[in-house]
Amino acid sequence: MDTPEIPKKTLQHQNKRKMAPILLEEAVKDGVRESLKERFKERRGRVEIMVDILSVAIGGARKTEIVYKANLNFARLERYIPFLEERGLMANSGSVYKTTKKGEEFLSGYEKMAELLLT
């Protein structure tokens, strides 16, 4: 008795089903690994976070605006505001935070330093 021949197309389809979960799993792992590498490369340090906060507050800004534009959360912002105020880099007027003259000088100095180091 002859065994029925299975069409090639069906075999290829079955093989793809078995391979797909493995390939997908590997791709996801690789993607996550690469994503984390990029994320850690792009992490900001304390100085960069302060620069972002002061840059947003140059014309005056509320906490919510600073949080969104500086890409922070409220808890982190709450830690930086007193630090910046104590050093005279930022002032609070009611609910509005504004970068002081000293803060603007700090930003200017930071930009010069970054330009020298990064070019």
Protein backbone atom coordinates (compact mmCIF):
# COMPACT_ATOMS: atom_id res chain seq x y z
CA MET A 1 0.00 0.00 0.00
CA ASP A 2 1.35 3.36 -0.99
CA THR A 3 1.52 6.16 1.55
CA PRO A 4 -0.22 9.29 0.39
CA GLU A 5 2.13 12.04 -0.60
CA ILE A 6 1.76 15.25 1.38
CA PRO A 7 1.99 18.31 -0.81
CA LYS A 8 5.14 20.40 -0.30
CA LYS A 9 3.08 23.47 0.42
CA THR A 10 1.46 21.77 3.43
CA LEU A 11 4.84 20.68 4.82
CA GLN A 12 6.25 24.17 4.46
CA HIS A 13 3.20 25.62 6.21
CA GLN A 14 3.55 23.15 9.11
CA ASN A 15 7.27 23.89 9.45
CA LYS A 16 6.59 27.63 9.53
CA ARG A 17 4.14 27.13 12.39
CA LYS A 18 6.75 25.29 14.43
CA MET A 19 9.45 27.83 13.64
CA ALA A 20 7.35 30.97 14.09
CA PRO A 21 7.08 30.85 17.89
CA ILE A 22 10.83 30.25 18.24
CA LEU A 23 11.75 33.03 15.83
CA LEU A 24 9.27 35.40 17.40
CA GLU A 25 10.57 34.65 20.89
CA GLU A 26 14.17 35.24 19.78
CA ALA A 27 13.20 38.46 18.01
CA VAL A 28 11.40 39.73 21.10
CA LYS A 29 14.40 38.92 23.33
CA ASP A 30 16.78 40.61 20.90
CA GLY A 31 14.49 43.62 20.61
CA VAL A 32 14.15 43.99 24.37
CA ARG A 33 17.90 43.59 24.81
CA GLU A 34 18.62 46.28 22.20
CA SER A 35 15.90 48.53 23.59
CA LEU A 36 17.40 48.35 27.06
CA LYS A 37 20.89 49.07 25.72
CA GLU A 38 19.62 52.18 23.94
CA ARG A 39 17.66 53.27 26.98
CA PHE A 40 20.67 53.05 29.28
CA LYS A 41 22.84 54.90 26.76
CA GLU A 42 20.37 57.74 26.65
CA ARG A 43 19.85 58.08 30.39
CA ARG A 44 20.39 61.57 31.69
CA GLY A 45 22.57 62.39 34.61
CA ARG A 46 21.71 64.82 37.40
CA VAL A 47 23.23 67.78 35.58
CA GLU A 48 21.30 67.06 32.37
CA ILE A 49 18.06 66.81 34.36
CA MET A 50 18.78 70.16 36.05
CA VAL A 51 19.56 71.71 32.65
CA ASP A 52 16.24 70.43 31.29
CA ILE A 53 14.30 71.80 34.27
CA LEU A 54 15.99 75.20 34.08
CA SER A 55 15.51 75.35 30.30
CA VAL A 56 11.77 74.76 30.62
CA ALA A 57 11.44 77.34 33.41
CA ILE A 58 13.26 80.20 31.65
CA GLY A 59 10.04 82.06 30.88
CA GLY A 60 8.27 80.71 33.95
CA ALA A 61 6.42 77.40 34.17
CA ARG A 62 4.16 75.46 36.50
CA LYS A 63 5.18 72.05 37.83
CA THR A 64 3.00 70.18 35.34
CA GLU A 65 4.59 71.93 32.39
CA ILE A 66 8.07 71.21 33.73
CA VAL A 67 7.20 67.54 34.30
CA TYR A 68 5.98 67.07 30.73
CA LYS A 69 8.54 69.17 28.89
CA ALA A 70 11.55 67.94 30.92
CA ASN A 71 10.30 64.33 30.74
CA LEU A 72 10.23 63.78 34.51
CA ASN A 73 7.73 62.54 37.05
CA PHE A 74 6.46 64.68 39.93
CA ALA A 75 8.45 62.79 42.58
CA ARG A 76 11.73 63.43 40.81
CA LEU A 77 10.85 67.07 40.16
CA GLU A 78 10.04 67.51 43.86
CA ARG A 79 13.60 66.42 44.69
CA TYR A 80 15.23 68.82 42.22
CA ILE A 81 13.24 72.00 42.89
CA PRO A 82 14.55 72.58 46.45
CA PHE A 83 18.10 71.81 45.28
CA LEU A 84 17.85 74.40 42.49
CA GLU A 85 16.14 76.97 44.72
CA GLU A 86 18.75 76.61 47.50
CA ARG A 87 21.49 77.38 45.00
CA GLY A 88 19.67 80.38 43.56
CA LEU A 89 19.20 78.84 40.11
CA MET A 90 15.39 78.82 40.25
CA ALA A 91 12.80 80.95 42.04
CA ASN A 92 9.21 80.20 42.98
CA SER A 93 6.48 82.78 42.66
CA GLY A 94 3.24 81.16 43.78
CA SER A 95 2.73 78.18 41.50
CA VAL A 96 5.13 79.43 38.83
CA TYR A 97 8.80 78.48 38.79
CA LYS A 98 11.27 80.65 36.94
CA THR A 99 14.94 80.29 36.12
CA THR A 100 16.91 83.10 37.78
CA LYS A 101 19.72 85.15 36.25
CA LYS A 102 22.19 82.84 38.00
CA GLY A 103 20.35 79.86 36.49
CA GLU A 104 20.60 81.37 33.02
CA GLU A 105 24.35 81.86 33.56
CA PHE A 106 24.58 78.20 34.59
CA LEU A 107 22.77 77.17 31.38
CA SER A 108 25.06 79.32 29.28
CA GLY A 109 28.15 77.82 30.92
CA TYR A 110 26.76 74.32 30.47
CA GLU A 111 26.14 74.93 26.76
CA LYS A 112 29.71 76.19 26.30
CA MET A 113 31.13 73.20 28.14
CA ALA A 114 29.00 70.73 26.17
CA GLU A 115 30.03 72.40 22.91
CA LEU A 116 33.72 72.09 23.78
CA LEU A 117 33.43 68.46 24.86
CA LEU A 118 31.06 67.17 22.20
CA THR A 119 32.53 68.78 19.08
